[in-house]
Amino acid sequence: MQEKILFSPITIEDLEALIERATEKSVQKILRLDLEKPDETLLTTQQVCEEFKVSRITLNNYRKSGKLVPFSKAGKQHAYRRCDCRKAFHHKVIQ
């Protein structure tokens, strides 16, 4: 189905409001998806650092303070669930 594009005069304020509403809808959709089915994928320490753009030191500090608990540990290797990392590093994901 083809959609027609109509051009009409629009003020900057109206355009900003449209963009704001569209962005808000998208954010709400993403948040609902995160709540509905958490991503249980296991990540290594290196994968967590790369995906969430944090250093190993920051990750270790989060682990030691209890802000991020490893899902499993084999020797010195830790595995973290992606959904737990998203919660712990929420501010990093949004930025």
PDB file of N, CA and C in Angstrom:
ATOM      1  N   MET A   1       0.845  -1.172   0.000  1.00  0.00           N
ATOM      2  CA  MET A   1       0.000   0.000   0.000  1.00  0.00           C
ATOM      3  C   MET A   1       0.893   1.237   0.000  1.00  0.00           C
ATOM      4  N   GLN A   2       0.641   2.117  -0.948  1.00  0.00           N
ATOM      5  CA  GLN A   2       1.405   3.347  -1.031  1.00  0.00           C
ATOM      6  C   GLN A   2       0.736   4.418  -0.189  1.00  0.00           C
ATOM      7  N   GLU A   3       1.565   5.160   0.517  1.00  0.00           N
ATOM      8  CA  GLU A   3       1.044   6.272   1.292  1.00  0.00           C
ATOM      9  C   GLU A   3       1.399   7.559   0.576  1.00  0.00           C
ATOM     10  N   LYS A   4       0.489   8.505   0.654  1.00  0.00           N
ATOM     11  CA  LYS A   4       0.739   9.794   0.027  1.00  0.00           C
ATOM     12  C   LYS A   4       1.400  10.714   1.039  1.00  0.00           C
ATOM     13  N   ILE A   5       2.345  11.471   0.555  1.00  0.00           N
ATOM     14  CA  ILE A   5       3.005  12.453   1.396  1.00  0.00           C
ATOM     15  C   ILE A   5       2.446  13.814   1.015  1.00  0.00           C
ATOM     16  N   LEU A   6       1.895  14.470   1.998  1.00  0.00           N
ATOM     17  CA  LEU A   6       1.345  15.801   1.778  1.00  0.00           C
ATOM     18  C   LEU A   6       2.238  16.818   2.466  1.00  0.00           C
ATOM     19  N   PHE A   7       2.538  17.862   1.764  1.00  0.00           N
ATOM     20  CA  PHE A   7       3.339  18.927   2.340  1.00  0.00           C
ATOM     21  C   PHE A   7       2.417  20.073   2.727  1.00  0.00           C
ATOM     22  N   SER A   8       2.550  20.494   3.938  1.00  0.00           N
ATOM     23  CA  SER A   8       1.759  21.629   4.395  1.00  0.00           C
ATOM     24  C   SER A   8       2.619  22.457   5.341  1.00  0.00           C
ATOM     25  N   PRO A   9       2.290  23.717   5.465  1.00  0.00           N
ATOM     26  CA  PRO A   9       3.088  24.558   6.362  1.00  0.00           C
ATOM     27  C   PRO A   9       2.953  24.061   7.799  1.00  0.00           C
ATOM     28  N   ILE A  10       4.072  24.022   8.496  1.00  0.00           N
ATOM     29  CA  ILE A  10       4.077  23.588   9.890  1.00  0.00           C
ATOM     30  C   ILE A  10       5.064  24.464  10.649  1.00  0.00           C
ATOM     31  N   THR A  11       4.701  24.805  11.839  1.00  0.00           N
ATOM     32  CA  THR A  11       5.592  25.642  12.642  1.00  0.00           C
ATOM     33  C   THR A  11       6.647  24.768  13.299  1.00  0.00           C
ATOM     34  N   ILE A  12       7.716  25.395  13.706  1.00  0.00           N
ATOM     35  CA  ILE A  12       8.788  24.682  14.411  1.00  0.00           C
ATOM     36  C   ILE A  12       8.237  24.045  15.686  1.00  0.00           C
ATOM     37  N   GLU A  13       7.372  24.755  16.383  1.00  0.00           N
ATOM     38  CA  GLU A  13       6.791  24.236  17.626  1.00  0.00           C
ATOM     39  C   GLU A  13       5.955  22.984  17.362  1.00  0.00           C
ATOM     40  N   ASP A  14       5.168  23.008  16.275  1.00  0.00           N
ATOM     41  CA  ASP A  14       4.364  21.832  15.931  1.00  0.00           C
ATOM     42  C   ASP A  14       5.259  20.645  15.565  1.00  0.00           C
ATOM     43  N   LEU A  15       6.329  20.924  14.821  1.00  0.00           N
ATOM     44  CA  LEU A  15       7.264  19.871  14.444  1.00  0.00           C
ATOM     45  C   LEU A  15       7.943  19.282  15.684  1.00  0.00           C
ATOM     46  N   GLU A  16       8.358  20.141  16.595  1.00  0.00           N
ATOM     47  CA  GLU A  16       8.975  19.670  17.835  1.00  0.00           C
ATOM     48  C   GLU A  16       8.007  18.802  18.629  1.00  0.00           C
ATOM     49  N   ALA A  17       6.744  19.209  18.695  1.00  0.00           N
ATOM     50  CA  ALA A  17       5.734  18.441  19.424  1.00  0.00           C
ATOM     51  C   ALA A  17       5.521  17.071  18.776  1.00  0.00           C
ATOM     52  N   LEU A  18       5.480  17.029  17.454  1.00  0.00           N
ATOM     53  CA  LEU A  18       5.335  15.748  16.749  1.00  0.00           C
ATOM     54  C   LEU A  18       6.510  14.819  17.021  1.00  0.00           C
ATOM     55  N   ILE A  19       7.701  15.370  16.954  1.00  0.00           N
ATOM     56  CA  ILE A  19       8.904  14.571  17.210  1.00  0.00           C
ATOM     57  C   ILE A  19       8.908  14.081  18.656  1.00  0.00           C
ATOM     58  N   GLU A  20       8.537  14.944  19.575  1.00  0.00           N
ATOM     59  CA  GLU A  20       8.501  14.567  20.992  1.00  0.00           C
ATOM     60  C   GLU A  20       7.511  13.426  21.231  1.00  0.00           C
ATOM     61  N   ARG A  21       6.322  13.518  20.645  1.00  0.00           N
ATOM     62  CA  ARG A  21       5.315  12.455  20.816  1.00  0.00           C
ATOM     63  C   ARG A  21       5.797  11.141  20.208  1.00  0.00           C
ATOM     64  N   ALA A  22       6.388  11.217  19.028  1.00  0.00           N
ATOM     65  CA  ALA A  22       6.882  10.000  18.375  1.00  0.00           C
ATOM     66  C   ALA A  22       8.006   9.365  19.199  1.00  0.00           C
ATOM     67  N   THR A  23       8.899  10.183  19.719  1.00  0.00           N
ATOM     68  CA  THR A  23       9.994   9.683  20.543  1.00  0.00           C
ATOM     69  C   THR A  23       9.464   9.044  21.822  1.00  0.00           C
ATOM     70  N   GLU A  24       8.516   9.708  22.463  1.00  0.00           N
ATOM     71  CA  GLU A  24       7.926   9.182  23.701  1.00  0.00           C
ATOM     72  C   GLU A  24       7.267   7.827  23.439  1.00  0.00           C
ATOM     73  N   LYS A  25       6.547   7.699  22.336  1.00  0.00           N
ATOM     74  CA  LYS A  25       5.906   6.421  21.998  1.00  0.00           C
ATOM     75  C   LYS A  25       6.954   5.336  21.813  1.00  0.00           C
ATOM     76  N   SER A  26       8.033   5.665  21.139  1.00  0.00           N
ATOM     77  CA  SER A  26       9.095   4.683  20.896  1.00  0.00           C
ATOM     78  C   SER A  26       9.757   4.248  22.195  1.00  0.00           C
ATOM     79  N   VAL A  27      10.040   5.199  23.061  1.00  0.00           N
ATOM     80  CA  VAL A  27      10.656   4.874  24.352  1.00  0.00           C
ATOM     81  C   VAL A  27       9.732   3.989  25.173  1.00  0.00           C
ATOM     82  N   GLN A  28       8.451   4.326  25.222  1.00  0.00           N
ATOM     83  CA  GLN A  28       7.492   3.515  25.972  1.00  0.00           C
ATOM     84  C   GLN A  28       7.423   2.092  25.416  1.00  0.00           C
ATOM     85  N   LYS A  29       7.468   1.963  24.104  1.00  0.00           N
ATOM     86  CA  LYS A  29       7.429   0.640  23.481  1.00  0.00           C
ATOM     87  C   LYS A  29       8.657  -0.176  23.881  1.00  0.00           C
ATOM     88  N   ILE A  30       9.814   0.461  23.853  1.00  0.00           N
ATOM     89  CA  ILE A  30      11.053  -0.223  24.240  1.00  0.00           C
ATOM     90  C   ILE A  30      10.997  -0.644  25.694  1.00  0.00           C
ATOM     91  N   LEU A  31      10.532   0.236  26.559  1.00  0.00           N
ATOM     92  CA  LEU A  31      10.439  -0.093  27.984  1.00  0.00           C
ATOM     93  C   LEU A  31       9.467  -1.239  28.225  1.00  0.00           C
ATOM     94  N   ARG A  32       8.353  -1.256  27.513  1.00  0.00           N
ATOM     95  CA  ARG A  32       7.387  -2.355  27.654  1.00  0.00           C
ATOM     96  C   ARG A  32       8.003  -3.668  27.212  1.00  0.00           C
ATOM     97  N   LEU A  33       8.766  -3.644  26.123  1.00  0.00           N
ATOM     98  CA  LEU A  33       9.410  -4.864  25.644  1.00  0.00           C
ATOM     99  C   LEU A  33      10.399  -5.386  26.671  1.00  0.00           C
ATOM    100  N   ASP A  34      11.151  -4.479  27.301  1.00  0.00           N
ATOM    101  CA  ASP A  34      12.107  -4.904  28.323  1.00  0.00           C
ATOM    102  C   ASP A  34      11.400  -5.536  29.507  1.00  0.00           C
ATOM    103  N   LEU A  35      10.224  -5.013  29.870  1.00  0.00           N
ATOM    104  CA  LEU A  35       9.494  -5.553  31.007  1.00  0.00           C
ATOM    105  C   LEU A  35       8.823  -6.874  30.676  1.00  0.00           C
ATOM    106  N   GLU A  36       8.379  -7.035  29.440  1.00  0.00           N
ATOM    107  CA  GLU A  36       7.641  -8.224  29.052  1.00  0.00           C
ATOM    108  C   GLU A  36       8.524  -9.463  29.003  1.00  0.00           C
ATOM    109  N   LYS A  37       9.656  -9.380  28.367  1.00  0.00           N
ATOM    110  CA  LYS A  37      10.514 -10.553  28.259  1.00  0.00           C
ATOM    111  C   LYS A  37      11.975 -10.150  28.451  1.00  0.00           C
ATOM    112  N   PRO A  38      12.494 -10.372  29.632  1.00  0.00           N
ATOM    113  CA  PRO A  38      13.889 -10.000  29.879  1.00  0.00           C
ATOM    114  C   PRO A  38      14.839 -10.851  29.049  1.00  0.00           C
ATOM    115  N   ASP A  39      15.879 -10.243  28.582  1.00  0.00           N
ATOM    116  CA  ASP A  39      16.882 -10.933  27.776  1.00  0.00           C
ATOM    117  C   ASP A  39      17.823 -11.680  28.724  1.00  0.00           C
ATOM    118  N   GLU A  40      17.724 -12.995  28.715  1.00  0.00           N
ATOM    119  CA  GLU A  40      18.501 -13.841  29.621  1.00  0.00           C
ATOM    120  C   GLU A  40      19.860 -14.238  29.035  1.00  0.00           C
ATOM    121  N   THR A  41      20.232 -13.666  27.916  1.00  0.00           N
ATOM    122  CA  THR A  41      21.500 -14.000  27.277  1.00  0.00           C
ATOM    123  C   THR A  41      22.657 -13.759  28.247  1.00  0.00           C
ATOM    124  N   LEU A  42      23.565 -14.734  28.316  1.00  0.00           N
ATOM    125  CA  LEU A  42      24.724 -14.590  29.200  1.00  0.00           C
ATOM    126  C   LEU A  42      25.858 -13.896  28.465  1.00  0.00           C
ATOM    127  N   LEU A  43      26.495 -12.968  29.165  1.00  0.00           N
ATOM    128  CA  LEU A  43      27.598 -12.193  28.601  1.00  0.00           C
ATOM    129  C   LEU A  43      28.847 -12.398  29.441  1.00  0.00           C
ATOM    130  N   THR A  44      29.984 -12.420  28.786  1.00  0.00           N
ATOM    131  CA  THR A  44      31.259 -12.472  29.493  1.00  0.00           C
ATOM    132  C   THR A  44      31.581 -11.071  30.008  1.00  0.00           C
ATOM    133  N   THR A  45      32.600 -10.988  30.835  1.00  0.00           N
ATOM    134  CA  THR A  45      33.043  -9.689  31.343  1.00  0.00           C
ATOM    135  C   THR A  45      33.392  -8.759  30.185  1.00  0.00           C
ATOM    136  N   GLN A  46      34.121  -9.270  29.213  1.00  0.00           N
ATOM    137  CA  GLN A  46      34.525  -8.448  28.067  1.00  0.00           C
ATOM    138  C   GLN A  46      33.303  -7.970  27.275  1.00  0.00           C
ATOM    139  N   GLN A  47      32.331  -8.850  27.065  1.00  0.00           N
ATOM    140  CA  GLN A  47      31.127  -8.466  26.321  1.00  0.00           C
ATOM    141  C   GLN A  47      30.342  -7.387  27.058  1.00  0.00           C
ATOM    142  N   VAL A  48      30.245  -7.501  28.380  1.00  0.00           N
ATOM    143  CA  VAL A  48      29.540  -6.482  29.170  1.00  0.00           C
ATOM    144  C   VAL A  48      30.245  -5.140  29.013  1.00  0.00           C
ATOM    145  N   CYS A  49      31.558  -5.152  29.138  1.00  0.00           N
ATOM    146  CA  CYS A  49      32.326  -3.908  29.024  1.00  0.00           C
ATOM    147  C   CYS A  49      32.144  -3.254  27.662  1.00  0.00           C
ATOM    148  N   GLU A  50      32.153  -4.057  26.606  1.00  0.00           N
ATOM    149  CA  GLU A  50      32.007  -3.518  25.257  1.00  0.00           C
ATOM    150  C   GLU A  50      30.589  -3.015  24.996  1.00  0.00           C
ATOM    151  N   GLU A  51      29.594  -3.836  25.351  1.00  0.00           N
ATOM    152  CA  GLU A  51      28.210  -3.477  25.049  1.00  0.00           C
ATOM    153  C   GLU A  51      27.716  -2.270  25.839  1.00  0.00           C
ATOM    154  N   PHE A  52      28.111  -2.194  27.116  1.00  0.00           N
ATOM    155  CA  PHE A  52      27.608  -1.121  27.967  1.00  0.00           C
ATOM    156  C   PHE A  52      28.626  -0.007  28.159  1.00  0.00           C
ATOM    157  N   LYS A  53      29.734  -0.125  27.450  1.00  0.00           N
ATOM    158  CA  LYS A  53      30.767   0.919  27.444  1.00  0.00           C
ATOM    159  C   LYS A  53      31.210   1.290  28.862  1.00  0.00           C
ATOM    160  N   VAL A  54      31.582   0.265  29.615  1.00  0.00           N
ATOM    161  CA  VAL A  54      32.120   0.457  30.962  1.00  0.00           C
ATOM    162  C   VAL A  54      33.475  -0.243  31.039  1.00  0.00           C
ATOM    163  N   SER A  55      34.295   0.218  31.942  1.00  0.00           N
ATOM    164  CA  SER A  55      35.605  -0.413  32.120  1.00  0.00           C
ATOM    165  C   SER A  55      35.469  -1.644  33.004  1.00  0.00           C
ATOM    166  N   ARG A  56      36.498  -2.469  32.995  1.00  0.00           N
ATOM    167  CA  ARG A  56      36.515  -3.649  33.872  1.00  0.00           C
ATOM    168  C   ARG A  56      36.474  -3.209  35.335  1.00  0.00           C
ATOM    169  N   ILE A  57      37.142  -2.095  35.632  1.00  0.00           N
ATOM    170  CA  ILE A  57      37.155  -1.583  37.009  1.00  0.00           C
ATOM    171  C   ILE A  57      35.737  -1.228  37.442  1.00  0.00           C
ATOM    172  N   THR A  58      34.994  -0.530  36.583  1.00  0.00           N
ATOM    173  CA  THR A  58      33.609  -0.171  36.908  1.00  0.00           C
ATOM    174  C   THR A  58      32.772  -1.425  37.091  1.00  0.00           C
ATOM    175  N   LEU A  59      32.926  -2.383  36.195  1.00  0.00           N
ATOM    176  CA  LEU A  59      32.172  -3.629  36.313  1.00  0.00           C
ATOM    177  C   LEU A  59      32.501  -4.342  37.622  1.00  0.00           C
ATOM    178  N   ASN A  60      33.779  -4.401  37.974  1.00  0.00           N
ATOM    179  CA  ASN A  60      34.177  -5.029  39.237  1.00  0.00           C
ATOM    180  C   ASN A  60      33.606  -4.280  40.435  1.00  0.00           C
ATOM    181  N   ASN A  61      33.603  -2.943  40.357  1.00  0.00           N
ATOM    182  CA  ASN A  61      33.027  -2.148  41.454  1.00  0.00           C
ATOM    183  C   ASN A  61      31.533  -2.429  41.607  1.00  0.00           C
ATOM    184  N   TYR A  62      30.817  -2.536  40.490  1.00  0.00           N
ATOM    185  CA  TYR A  62      29.387  -2.851  40.537  1.00  0.00           C
ATOM    186  C   TYR A  62      29.175  -4.234  41.144  1.00  0.00           C
ATOM    187  N   ARG A  63      30.042  -5.191  40.768  1.00  0.00           N
ATOM    188  CA  ARG A  63      29.915  -6.554  41.287  1.00  0.00           C
ATOM    189  C   ARG A  63      30.214  -6.585  42.785  1.00  0.00           C
ATOM    190  N   LYS A  64      31.286  -5.934  43.214  1.00  0.00           N
ATOM    191  CA  LYS A  64      31.680  -5.934  44.628  1.00  0.00           C
ATOM    192  C   LYS A  64      30.667  -5.219  45.513  1.00  0.00           C
ATOM    193  N   SER A  65      30.019  -4.172  44.969  1.00  0.00           N
ATOM    194  CA  SER A  65      29.041  -3.419  45.763  1.00  0.00           C
ATOM    195  C   SER A  65      27.657  -4.061  45.741  1.00  0.00           C
ATOM    196  N   GLY A  66      27.481  -5.095  44.910  1.00  0.00           N
ATOM    197  CA  GLY A  66      26.194  -5.779  44.841  1.00  0.00           C
ATOM    198  C   GLY A  66      25.214  -5.154  43.864  1.00  0.00           C
ATOM    199  N   LYS A  67      25.646  -4.143  43.106  1.00  0.00           N
ATOM    200  CA  LYS A  67      24.763  -3.520  42.113  1.00  0.00           C
ATOM    201  C   LYS A  67      24.531  -4.431  40.917  1.00  0.00           C
ATOM    202  N   LEU A  68      25.477  -5.347  40.680  1.00  0.00           N
ATOM    203  CA  LEU A  68      25.360  -6.302  39.575  1.00  0.00           C
ATOM    204  C   LEU A  68      25.913  -7.640  40.060  1.00  0.00           C
ATOM    205  N   VAL A  69      25.053  -8.606  40.164  1.00  0.00           N
ATOM    206  CA  VAL A  69      25.443  -9.926  40.657  1.00  0.00           C
ATOM    207  C   VAL A  69      25.625 -10.862  39.463  1.00  0.00           C
ATOM    208  N   PRO A  70      26.784 -11.526  39.387  1.00  0.00           N
ATOM    209  CA  PRO A  70      26.990 -12.458  38.270  1.00  0.00           C
ATOM    210  C   PRO A  70      25.973 -13.596  38.318  1.00  0.00           C
ATOM    211  N   PHE A  71      25.534 -14.023  37.153  1.00  0.00           N
ATOM    212  CA  PHE A  71      24.595 -15.142  37.073  1.00  0.00           C
ATOM    213  C   PHE A  71      25.316 -16.440  37.414  1.00  0.00           C
ATOM    214  N   SER A  72      26.554 -16.548  36.954  1.00  0.00           N
ATOM    215  CA  SER A  72      27.341 -17.743  37.271  1.00  0.00           C
ATOM    216  C   SER A  72      28.813 -17.378  37.324  1.00  0.00           C
ATOM    217  N   LYS A  73      29.569 -18.259  37.950  1.00  0.00           N
ATOM    218  CA  LYS A  73      31.001 -18.038  38.063  1.00  0.00           C
ATOM    219  C   LYS A  73      31.694 -19.378  37.894  1.00  0.00           C
ATOM    220  N   ALA A  74      32.667 -19.421  37.008  1.00  0.00           N
ATOM    221  CA  ALA A  74      33.466 -20.625  36.809  1.00  0.00           C
ATOM    222  C   ALA A  74      34.924 -20.227  36.995  1.00  0.00           C
ATOM    223  N   GLY A  75      35.475 -20.542  38.137  1.00  0.00           N
ATOM    224  CA  GLY A  75      36.837 -20.113  38.447  1.00  0.00           C
ATOM    225  C   GLY A  75      36.849 -18.597  38.607  1.00  0.00           C
ATOM    226  N   LYS A  76      37.671 -17.947  37.805  1.00  0.00           N
ATOM    227  CA  LYS A  76      37.733 -16.484  37.850  1.00  0.00           C
ATOM    228  C   LYS A  76      36.818 -15.836  36.823  1.00  0.00           C
ATOM    229  N   GLN A  77      36.171 -16.649  35.997  1.00  0.00           N
ATOM    230  CA  GLN A  77      35.299 -16.134  34.942  1.00  0.00           C
ATOM    231  C   GLN A  77      33.884 -15.903  35.471  1.00  0.00           C
ATOM    232  N   HIS A  78      33.325 -14.750  35.146  1.00  0.00           N
ATOM    233  CA  HIS A  78      31.955 -14.427  35.527  1.00  0.00           C
ATOM    234  C   HIS A  78      31.082 -14.355  34.276  1.00  0.00           C
ATOM    235  N   ALA A  79      29.824 -14.705  34.436  1.00  0.00           N
ATOM    236  CA  ALA A  79      28.846 -14.562  33.355  1.00  0.00           C
ATOM    237  C   ALA A  79      27.694 -13.740  33.894  1.00  0.00           C
ATOM    238  N   TYR A  80      27.253 -12.765  33.115  1.00  0.00           N
ATOM    239  CA  TYR A  80      26.204 -11.840  33.533  1.00  0.00           C
ATOM    240  C   TYR A  80      25.023 -11.941  32.570  1.00  0.00           C
ATOM    241  N   ARG A  81      23.811 -11.881  33.104  1.00  0.00           N
ATOM    242  CA  ARG A  81      22.638 -11.857  32.231  1.00  0.00           C
ATOM    243  C   ARG A  81      22.486 -10.443  31.679  1.00  0.00           C
ATOM    244  N   ARG A  82      22.182 -10.360  30.393  1.00  0.00           N
ATOM    245  CA  ARG A  82      22.047  -9.056  29.737  1.00  0.00           C
ATOM    246  C   ARG A  82      20.981  -8.207  30.430  1.00  0.00           C
ATOM    247  N   CYS A  83      19.864  -8.811  30.845  1.00  0.00           N
ATOM    248  CA  CYS A  83      18.794  -8.044  31.492  1.00  0.00           C
ATOM    249  C   CYS A  83      19.271  -7.443  32.814  1.00  0.00           C
ATOM    250  N   ASP A  84      20.124  -8.160  33.558  1.00  0.00           N
ATOM    251  CA  ASP A  84      20.669  -7.622  34.809  1.00  0.00           C
ATOM    252  C   ASP A  84      21.612  -6.453  34.523  1.00  0.00           C
ATOM    253  N   CYS A  85      22.396  -6.597  33.460  1.00  0.00           N
ATOM    254  CA  CYS A  85      23.320  -5.521  33.080  1.00  0.00           C
ATOM    255  C   CYS A  85      22.546  -4.277  32.661  1.00  0.00           C
ATOM    256  N   ARG A  86      21.452  -4.467  31.924  1.00  0.00           N
ATOM    257  CA  ARG A  86      20.643  -3.317  31.504  1.00  0.00           C
ATOM    258  C   ARG A  86      20.113  -2.563  32.715  1.00  0.00           C
ATOM    259  N   LYS A  87      19.673  -3.296  33.714  1.00  0.00           N
ATOM    260  CA  LYS A  87      19.171  -2.645  34.932  1.00  0.00           C
ATOM    261  C   LYS A  87      20.285  -1.905  35.647  1.00  0.00           C
ATOM    262  N   ALA A  88      21.441  -2.549  35.786  1.00  0.00           N
ATOM    263  CA  ALA A  88      22.554  -1.951  36.509  1.00  0.00           C
ATOM    264  C   ALA A  88      23.135  -0.744  35.792  1.00  0.00           C
ATOM    265  N   PHE A  89      23.212  -0.841  34.470  1.00  0.00           N
ATOM    266  CA  PHE A  89      23.829   0.233  33.684  1.00  0.00           C
ATOM    267  C   PHE A  89      22.795   1.018  32.890  1.00  0.00           C
ATOM    268  N   HIS A  90      21.596   1.109  33.404  1.00  0.00           N
ATOM    269  CA  HIS A  90      20.482   1.770  32.700  1.00  0.00           C
ATOM    270  C   HIS A  90      20.897   3.135  32.178  1.00  0.00           C
ATOM    271  N   HIS A  91      21.576   3.907  32.999  1.00  0.00           N
ATOM    272  CA  HIS A  91      21.983   5.248  32.572  1.00  0.00           C
ATOM    273  C   HIS A  91      22.940   5.193  31.390  1.00  0.00           C
ATOM    274  N   LYS A  92      23.733   4.142  31.281  1.00  0.00           N
ATOM    275  CA  LYS A  92      24.665   4.009  30.158  1.00  0.00           C
ATOM    276  C   LYS A  92      23.943   3.666  28.864  1.00  0.00           C
ATOM    277  N   VAL A  93      22.881   2.876  28.964  1.00  0.00           N
ATOM    278  CA  VAL A  93      22.132   2.476  27.774  1.00  0.00           C
ATOM    279  C   VAL A  93      21.404   3.660  27.170  1.00  0.00           C
ATOM    280  N   ILE A  94      20.822   4.512  28.001  1.00  0.00           N
ATOM    281  CA  ILE A  94      20.019   5.634  27.535  1.00  0.00           C
ATOM    282  C   ILE A  94      20.898   6.696  26.883  1.00  0.00           C
ATOM    283  N   GLN A  95      22.081   6.938  27.414  1.00  0.00           N
ATOM    284  CA  GLN A  95      22.923   8.033  26.916  1.00  0.00           C
ATOM    285  C   GLN A  95      23.399   7.796  25.521  1.00  0.00           C
TER     286      GLN A  95
END
